[in-house]
Amino acid sequence: MKTVTFSQLRNNAKTYFDAVEQGETVEIYRHGKPIAMLTPVLREPTLNRWKTARPIKLSGVSASKMIIEERRKNRF
């Protein structure tokens, strides 16, 4: 983990953002006290999981049909 002052981050932002992009964490200090941490974003291996999703079957009926039927029953 790298530690930098706020001024160093401001003056060399590209360097530190490149390091974060490579997986490193940067701790930012102001007046000798830690104020923030810059960390990489954890991404899902695939963002298209919805394309392979399948309906949930409960007792031979899809969950969405069960929900719709339950809502119809509870109407006044």
PDB file of N, CA and C in Angstrom:
ATOM      1  N   MET A   1       0.843  -1.172   0.000  1.00  0.00           N
ATOM      2  CA  MET A   1       0.000   0.000   0.000  1.00  0.00           C
ATOM      3  C   MET A   1       0.890   1.237   0.000  1.00  0.00           C
ATOM      4  N   LYS A   2       0.535   2.154  -0.869  1.00  0.00           N
ATOM      5  CA  LYS A   2       1.268   3.420  -0.927  1.00  0.00           C
ATOM      6  C   LYS A   2       0.580   4.427  -0.018  1.00  0.00           C
ATOM      7  N   THR A   3       1.370   5.334   0.546  1.00  0.00           N
ATOM      8  CA  THR A   3       0.819   6.443   1.322  1.00  0.00           C
ATOM      9  C   THR A   3       1.304   7.732   0.689  1.00  0.00           C
ATOM     10  N   VAL A   4       0.382   8.675   0.545  1.00  0.00           N
ATOM     11  CA  VAL A   4       0.714   9.962  -0.079  1.00  0.00           C
ATOM     12  C   VAL A   4      -0.016  11.073   0.654  1.00  0.00           C
ATOM     13  N   THR A   5       0.519  12.270   0.540  1.00  0.00           N
ATOM     14  CA  THR A   5      -0.193  13.432   1.067  1.00  0.00           C
ATOM     15  C   THR A   5      -1.198  13.889   0.012  1.00  0.00           C
ATOM     16  N   PHE A   6      -2.164  14.676   0.467  1.00  0.00           N
ATOM     17  CA  PHE A   6      -3.169  15.192  -0.452  1.00  0.00           C
ATOM     18  C   PHE A   6      -2.508  16.009  -1.568  1.00  0.00           C
ATOM     19  N   SER A   7      -1.501  16.795  -1.216  1.00  0.00           N
ATOM     20  CA  SER A   7      -0.805  17.616  -2.219  1.00  0.00           C
ATOM     21  C   SER A   7      -0.091  16.754  -3.250  1.00  0.00           C
ATOM     22  N   GLN A   8       0.543  15.658  -2.786  1.00  0.00           N
ATOM     23  CA  GLN A   8       1.208  14.753  -3.731  1.00  0.00           C
ATOM     24  C   GLN A   8       0.191  14.123  -4.675  1.00  0.00           C
ATOM     25  N   LEU A   9      -0.953  13.728  -4.139  1.00  0.00           N
ATOM     26  CA  LEU A   9      -1.998  13.135  -4.972  1.00  0.00           C
ATOM     27  C   LEU A   9      -2.487  14.139  -6.007  1.00  0.00           C
ATOM     28  N   ARG A  10      -2.728  15.352  -5.564  1.00  0.00           N
ATOM     29  CA  ARG A  10      -3.229  16.385  -6.466  1.00  0.00           C
ATOM     30  C   ARG A  10      -2.215  16.684  -7.579  1.00  0.00           C
ATOM     31  N   ASN A  11      -0.946  16.733  -7.245  1.00  0.00           N
ATOM     32  CA  ASN A  11       0.081  17.076  -8.226  1.00  0.00           C
ATOM     33  C   ASN A  11       0.464  15.915  -9.143  1.00  0.00           C
ATOM     34  N   ASN A  12       0.244  14.680  -8.692  1.00  0.00           N
ATOM     35  CA  ASN A  12       0.639  13.508  -9.478  1.00  0.00           C
ATOM     36  C   ASN A  12      -0.499  12.489  -9.584  1.00  0.00           C
ATOM     37  N   ALA A  13      -1.702  12.969  -9.786  1.00  0.00           N
ATOM     38  CA  ALA A  13      -2.879  12.108  -9.763  1.00  0.00           C
ATOM     39  C   ALA A  13      -2.768  10.940 -10.734  1.00  0.00           C
ATOM     40  N   LYS A  14      -2.266  11.178 -11.932  1.00  0.00           N
ATOM     41  CA  LYS A  14      -2.176  10.113 -12.933  1.00  0.00           C
ATOM     42  C   LYS A  14      -1.337   8.943 -12.428  1.00  0.00           C
ATOM     43  N   THR A  15      -0.237   9.236 -11.807  1.00  0.00           N
ATOM     44  CA  THR A  15       0.646   8.190 -11.285  1.00  0.00           C
ATOM     45  C   THR A  15      -0.087   7.305 -10.280  1.00  0.00           C
ATOM     46  N   TYR A  16      -0.814   7.936  -9.368  1.00  0.00           N
ATOM     47  CA  TYR A  16      -1.498   7.173  -8.326  1.00  0.00           C
ATOM     48  C   TYR A  16      -2.721   6.435  -8.864  1.00  0.00           C
ATOM     49  N   PHE A  17      -3.439   7.043  -9.790  1.00  0.00           N
ATOM     50  CA  PHE A  17      -4.575   6.338 -10.392  1.00  0.00           C
ATOM     51  C   PHE A  17      -4.107   5.162 -11.237  1.00  0.00           C
ATOM     52  N   ASP A  18      -2.964   5.306 -11.881  1.00  0.00           N
ATOM     53  CA  ASP A  18      -2.392   4.167 -12.618  1.00  0.00           C
ATOM     54  C   ASP A  18      -2.052   3.022 -11.663  1.00  0.00           C
ATOM     55  N   ALA A  19      -1.509   3.368 -10.493  1.00  0.00           N
ATOM     56  CA  ALA A  19      -1.170   2.338  -9.505  1.00  0.00           C
ATOM     57  C   ALA A  19      -2.430   1.628  -9.009  1.00  0.00           C
ATOM     58  N   VAL A  20      -3.487   2.387  -8.765  1.00  0.00           N
ATOM     59  CA  VAL A  20      -4.747   1.792  -8.322  1.00  0.00           C
ATOM     60  C   VAL A  20      -5.321   0.902  -9.419  1.00  0.00           C
ATOM     61  N   GLU A  21      -5.216   1.328 -10.634  1.00  0.00           N
ATOM     62  CA  GLU A  21      -5.702   0.529 -11.768  1.00  0.00           C
ATOM     63  C   GLU A  21      -4.962  -0.803 -11.852  1.00  0.00           C
ATOM     64  N   GLN A  22      -3.720  -0.828 -11.402  1.00  0.00           N
ATOM     65  CA  GLN A  22      -2.927  -2.058 -11.398  1.00  0.00           C
ATOM     66  C   GLN A  22      -3.202  -2.919 -10.159  1.00  0.00           C
ATOM     67  N   GLY A  23      -4.102  -2.453  -9.274  1.00  0.00           N
ATOM     68  CA  GLY A  23      -4.485  -3.257  -8.123  1.00  0.00           C
ATOM     69  C   GLY A  23      -3.945  -2.789  -6.791  1.00  0.00           C
ATOM     70  N   GLU A  24      -3.216  -1.699  -6.775  1.00  0.00           N
ATOM     71  CA  GLU A  24      -2.623  -1.212  -5.528  1.00  0.00           C
ATOM     72  C   GLU A  24      -3.586  -0.266  -4.797  1.00  0.00           C
ATOM     73  N   THR A  25      -3.476  -0.209  -3.486  1.00  0.00           N
ATOM     74  CA  THR A  25      -4.274   0.706  -2.673  1.00  0.00           C
ATOM     75  C   THR A  25      -3.413   1.890  -2.269  1.00  0.00           C
ATOM     76  N   VAL A  26      -4.005   3.082  -2.301  1.00  0.00           N
ATOM     77  CA  VAL A  26      -3.284   4.307  -1.943  1.00  0.00           C
ATOM     78  C   VAL A  26      -4.003   4.949  -0.761  1.00  0.00           C
ATOM     79  N   GLU A  27      -3.262   5.185   0.331  1.00  0.00           N
ATOM     80  CA  GLU A  27      -3.819   5.854   1.502  1.00  0.00           C
ATOM     81  C   GLU A  27      -3.422   7.325   1.439  1.00  0.00           C
ATOM     82  N   ILE A  28      -4.406   8.205   1.595  1.00  0.00           N
ATOM     83  CA  ILE A  28      -4.185   9.636   1.431  1.00  0.00           C
ATOM     84  C   ILE A  28      -4.217  10.317   2.799  1.00  0.00           C
ATOM     85  N   TYR A  29      -3.193  11.153   3.046  1.00  0.00           N
ATOM     86  CA  TYR A  29      -3.048  11.859   4.320  1.00  0.00           C
ATOM     87  C   TYR A  29      -3.179  13.356   4.117  1.00  0.00           C
ATOM     88  N   ARG A  30      -3.761  14.022   5.120  1.00  0.00           N
ATOM     89  CA  ARG A  30      -3.801  15.488   5.140  1.00  0.00           C
ATOM     90  C   ARG A  30      -3.417  15.915   6.550  1.00  0.00           C
ATOM     91  N   HIS A  31      -2.438  16.766   6.652  1.00  0.00           N
ATOM     92  CA  HIS A  31      -1.924  17.240   7.946  1.00  0.00           C
ATOM     93  C   HIS A  31      -1.525  16.068   8.843  1.00  0.00           C
ATOM     94  N   GLY A  32      -0.937  15.031   8.243  1.00  0.00           N
ATOM     95  CA  GLY A  32      -0.430  13.894   8.993  1.00  0.00           C
ATOM     96  C   GLY A  32      -1.466  12.877   9.432  1.00  0.00           C
ATOM     97  N   LYS A  33      -2.738  13.079   9.033  1.00  0.00           N
ATOM     98  CA  LYS A  33      -3.802  12.152   9.420  1.00  0.00           C
ATOM     99  C   LYS A  33      -4.406  11.507   8.179  1.00  0.00           C
ATOM    100  N   PRO A  34      -4.694  10.212   8.253  1.00  0.00           N
ATOM    101  CA  PRO A  34      -5.308   9.559   7.097  1.00  0.00           C
ATOM    102  C   PRO A  34      -6.735  10.071   6.882  1.00  0.00           C
ATOM    103  N   ILE A  35      -7.066  10.411   5.623  1.00  0.00           N
ATOM    104  CA  ILE A  35      -8.408  10.929   5.334  1.00  0.00           C
ATOM    105  C   ILE A  35      -9.169  10.066   4.329  1.00  0.00           C
ATOM    106  N   ALA A  36      -8.449   9.271   3.538  1.00  0.00           N
ATOM    107  CA  ALA A  36      -9.138   8.471   2.526  1.00  0.00           C
ATOM    108  C   ALA A  36      -8.238   7.353   2.033  1.00  0.00           C
ATOM    109  N   MET A  37      -8.886   6.364   1.435  1.00  0.00           N
ATOM    110  CA  MET A  37      -8.149   5.283   0.782  1.00  0.00           C
ATOM    111  C   MET A  37      -8.684   5.150  -0.633  1.00  0.00           C
ATOM    112  N   LEU A  38      -7.785   5.057  -1.561  1.00  0.00           N
ATOM    113  CA  LEU A  38      -8.125   4.871  -2.966  1.00  0.00           C
ATOM    114  C   LEU A  38      -7.870   3.403  -3.270  1.00  0.00           C
ATOM    115  N   THR A  39      -8.938   2.661  -3.581  1.00  0.00           N
ATOM    116  CA  THR A  39      -8.795   1.223  -3.809  1.00  0.00           C
ATOM    117  C   THR A  39      -9.367   0.840  -5.159  1.00  0.00           C
ATOM    118  N   PRO A  40      -8.871  -0.242  -5.748  1.00  0.00           N
ATOM    119  CA  PRO A  40      -9.405  -0.682  -7.027  1.00  0.00           C
ATOM    120  C   PRO A  40     -10.830  -1.219  -6.870  1.00  0.00           C
ATOM    121  N   VAL A  41     -11.609  -1.098  -7.924  1.00  0.00           N
ATOM    122  CA  VAL A  41     -12.969  -1.617  -7.946  1.00  0.00           C
ATOM    123  C   VAL A  41     -12.904  -3.106  -8.248  1.00  0.00           C
ATOM    124  N   LEU A  42     -13.652  -3.892  -7.465  1.00  0.00           N
ATOM    125  CA  LEU A  42     -13.735  -5.324  -7.731  1.00  0.00           C
ATOM    126  C   LEU A  42     -14.847  -5.539  -8.745  1.00  0.00           C
ATOM    127  N   ARG A  43     -14.501  -6.156  -9.841  1.00  0.00           N
ATOM    128  CA  ARG A  43     -15.483  -6.361 -10.908  1.00  0.00           C
ATOM    129  C   ARG A  43     -15.851  -7.827 -11.017  1.00  0.00           C
ATOM    130  N   GLU A  44     -17.091  -8.051 -11.413  1.00  0.00           N
ATOM    131  CA  GLU A  44     -17.549  -9.409 -11.690  1.00  0.00           C
ATOM    132  C   GLU A  44     -16.818  -9.913 -12.930  1.00  0.00           C
ATOM    133  N   PRO A  45     -16.538 -11.215 -12.995  1.00  0.00           N
ATOM    134  CA  PRO A  45     -15.875 -11.753 -14.180  1.00  0.00           C
ATOM    135  C   PRO A  45     -16.672 -11.491 -15.455  1.00  0.00           C
ATOM    136  N   THR A  46     -17.988 -11.520 -15.346  1.00  0.00           N
ATOM    137  CA  THR A  46     -18.810 -11.220 -16.514  1.00  0.00           C
ATOM    138  C   THR A  46     -19.983 -10.355 -16.083  1.00  0.00           C
ATOM    139  N   LEU A  47     -20.265  -9.347 -16.852  1.00  0.00           N
ATOM    140  CA  LEU A  47     -21.379  -8.464 -16.542  1.00  0.00           C
ATOM    141  C   LEU A  47     -22.646  -8.891 -17.269  1.00  0.00           C
ATOM    142  N   ASN A  48     -22.559  -9.920 -18.085  1.00  0.00           N
ATOM    143  CA  ASN A  48     -23.707 -10.364 -18.861  1.00  0.00           C
ATOM    144  C   ASN A  48     -24.352 -11.600 -18.259  1.00  0.00           C
ATOM    145  N   ARG A  49     -24.332 -11.730 -16.932  1.00  0.00           N
ATOM    146  CA  ARG A  49     -24.914 -12.890 -16.285  1.00  0.00           C
ATOM    147  C   ARG A  49     -26.408 -12.984 -16.537  1.00  0.00           C
ATOM    148  N   TRP A  50     -27.074 -11.862 -16.728  1.00  0.00           N
ATOM    149  CA  TRP A  50     -28.512 -11.879 -16.939  1.00  0.00           C
ATOM    150  C   TRP A  50     -28.886 -12.623 -18.204  1.00  0.00           C
ATOM    151  N   LYS A  51     -27.973 -12.702 -19.174  1.00  0.00           N
ATOM    152  CA  LYS A  51     -28.272 -13.396 -20.425  1.00  0.00           C
ATOM    153  C   LYS A  51     -28.427 -14.896 -20.221  1.00  0.00           C
ATOM    154  N   THR A  52     -27.800 -15.442 -19.185  1.00  0.00           N
ATOM    155  CA  THR A  52     -27.864 -16.879 -18.944  1.00  0.00           C
ATOM    156  C   THR A  52     -28.803 -17.229 -17.792  1.00  0.00           C
ATOM    157  N   ALA A  53     -29.499 -16.237 -17.251  1.00  0.00           N
ATOM    158  CA  ALA A  53     -30.399 -16.488 -16.129  1.00  0.00           C
ATOM    159  C   ALA A  53     -31.590 -17.327 -16.590  1.00  0.00           C
ATOM    160  N   ARG A  54     -32.040 -18.201 -15.700  1.00  0.00           N
ATOM    161  CA  ARG A  54     -33.191 -19.047 -15.982  1.00  0.00           C
ATOM    162  C   ARG A  54     -34.254 -18.798 -14.919  1.00  0.00           C
ATOM    163  N   PRO A  55     -35.537 -18.905 -15.289  1.00  0.00           N
ATOM    164  CA  PRO A  55     -36.600 -18.710 -14.297  1.00  0.00           C
ATOM    165  C   PRO A  55     -36.514 -19.741 -13.182  1.00  0.00           C
ATOM    166  N   ILE A  56     -36.858 -19.325 -11.987  1.00  0.00           N
ATOM    167  CA  ILE A  56     -36.870 -20.230 -10.840  1.00  0.00           C
ATOM    168  C   ILE A  56     -38.170 -21.024 -10.888  1.00  0.00           C
ATOM    169  N   LYS A  57     -38.074 -22.331 -10.770  1.00  0.00           N
ATOM    170  CA  LYS A  57     -39.249 -23.195 -10.767  1.00  0.00           C
ATOM    171  C   LYS A  57     -39.495 -23.692  -9.352  1.00  0.00           C
ATOM    172  N   LEU A  58     -40.701 -23.486  -8.874  1.00  0.00           N
ATOM    173  CA  LEU A  58     -41.107 -23.968  -7.564  1.00  0.00           C
ATOM    174  C   LEU A  58     -42.367 -24.810  -7.757  1.00  0.00           C
ATOM    175  N   SER A  59     -42.273 -26.067  -7.470  1.00  0.00           N
ATOM    176  CA  SER A  59     -43.417 -26.979  -7.611  1.00  0.00           C
ATOM    177  C   SER A  59     -43.992 -26.942  -9.022  1.00  0.00           C
ATOM    178  N   GLY A  60     -43.135 -26.822 -10.017  1.00  0.00           N
ATOM    179  CA  GLY A  60     -43.596 -26.849 -11.394  1.00  0.00           C
ATOM    180  C   GLY A  60     -44.130 -25.523 -11.908  1.00  0.00           C
ATOM    181  N   VAL A  61     -44.136 -24.468 -11.081  1.00  0.00           N
ATOM    182  CA  VAL A  61     -44.639 -23.160 -11.486  1.00  0.00           C
ATOM    183  C   VAL A  61     -43.506 -22.156 -11.326  1.00  0.00           C
ATOM    184  N   SER A  62     -43.400 -21.215 -12.262  1.00  0.00           N
ATOM    185  CA  SER A  62     -42.332 -20.227 -12.135  1.00  0.00           C
ATOM    186  C   SER A  62     -42.635 -19.274 -10.984  1.00  0.00           C
ATOM    187  N   ALA A  63     -41.615 -18.740 -10.395  1.00  0.00           N
ATOM    188  CA  ALA A  63     -41.758 -17.839  -9.252  1.00  0.00           C
ATOM    189  C   ALA A  63     -42.556 -16.596  -9.634  1.00  0.00           C
ATOM    190  N   SER A  64     -42.340 -16.069 -10.817  1.00  0.00           N
ATOM    191  CA  SER A  64     -43.063 -14.861 -11.220  1.00  0.00           C
ATOM    192  C   SER A  64     -44.562 -15.135 -11.325  1.00  0.00           C
ATOM    193  N   LYS A  65     -44.948 -16.296 -11.841  1.00  0.00           N
ATOM    194  CA  LYS A  65     -46.367 -16.635 -11.926  1.00  0.00           C
ATOM    195  C   LYS A  65     -46.964 -16.801 -10.533  1.00  0.00           C
ATOM    196  N   MET A  66     -46.192 -17.372  -9.605  1.00  0.00           N
ATOM    197  CA  MET A  66     -46.673 -17.516  -8.234  1.00  0.00           C
ATOM    198  C   MET A  66     -46.895 -16.151  -7.584  1.00  0.00           C
ATOM    199  N   ILE A  67     -46.005 -15.210  -7.835  1.00  0.00           N
ATOM    200  CA  ILE A  67     -46.117 -13.872  -7.260  1.00  0.00           C
ATOM    201  C   ILE A  67     -47.334 -13.156  -7.820  1.00  0.00           C
ATOM    202  N   ILE A  68     -47.523 -13.252  -9.131  1.00  0.00           N
ATOM    203  CA  ILE A  68     -48.678 -12.609  -9.766  1.00  0.00           C
ATOM    204  C   ILE A  68     -49.974 -13.190  -9.212  1.00  0.00           C
ATOM    205  N   GLU A  69     -50.050 -14.490  -9.101  1.00  0.00           N
ATOM    206  CA  GLU A  69     -51.248 -15.141  -8.566  1.00  0.00           C
ATOM    207  C   GLU A  69     -51.497 -14.732  -7.118  1.00  0.00           C
ATOM    208  N   GLU A  70     -50.435 -14.655  -6.314  1.00  0.00           N
ATOM    209  CA  GLU A  70     -50.580 -14.225  -4.919  1.00  0.00           C
ATOM    210  C   GLU A  70     -51.086 -12.802  -4.828  1.00  0.00           C
ATOM    211  N   ARG A  71     -50.623 -11.919  -5.708  1.00  0.00           N
ATOM    212  CA  ARG A  71     -51.092 -10.527  -5.716  1.00  0.00           C
ATOM    213  C   ARG A  71     -52.562 -10.460  -6.095  1.00  0.00           C
ATOM    214  N   ARG A  72     -52.979 -11.280  -7.047  1.00  0.00           N
ATOM    215  CA  ARG A  72     -54.396 -11.299  -7.458  1.00  0.00           C
ATOM    216  C   ARG A  72     -55.285 -11.748  -6.298  1.00  0.00           C
ATOM    217  N   LYS A  73     -54.820 -12.706  -5.532  1.00  0.00           N
ATOM    218  CA  LYS A  73     -55.598 -13.228  -4.413  1.00  0.00           C
ATOM    219  C   LYS A  73     -55.775 -12.176  -3.318  1.00  0.00           C
ATOM    220  N   ASN A  74     -54.775 -11.327  -3.135  1.00  0.00           N
ATOM    221  CA  ASN A  74     -54.786 -10.354  -2.044  1.00  0.00           C
ATOM    222  C   ASN A  74     -55.429  -9.018  -2.412  1.00  0.00           C
ATOM    223  N   ARG A  75     -55.989  -8.903  -3.594  1.00  0.00           N
ATOM    224  CA  ARG A  75     -56.659  -7.649  -3.979  1.00  0.00           C
ATOM    225  C   ARG A  75     -57.987  -7.548  -3.250  1.00  0.00           C
ATOM    226  N   PHE A  76     -58.387  -6.314  -2.968  1.00  0.00           N
ATOM    227  CA  PHE A  76     -59.640  -6.092  -2.230  1.00  0.00           C
ATOM    228  C   PHE A  76     -60.783  -5.935  -3.182  1.00  0.00           C
TER     229      PHE A  76
END
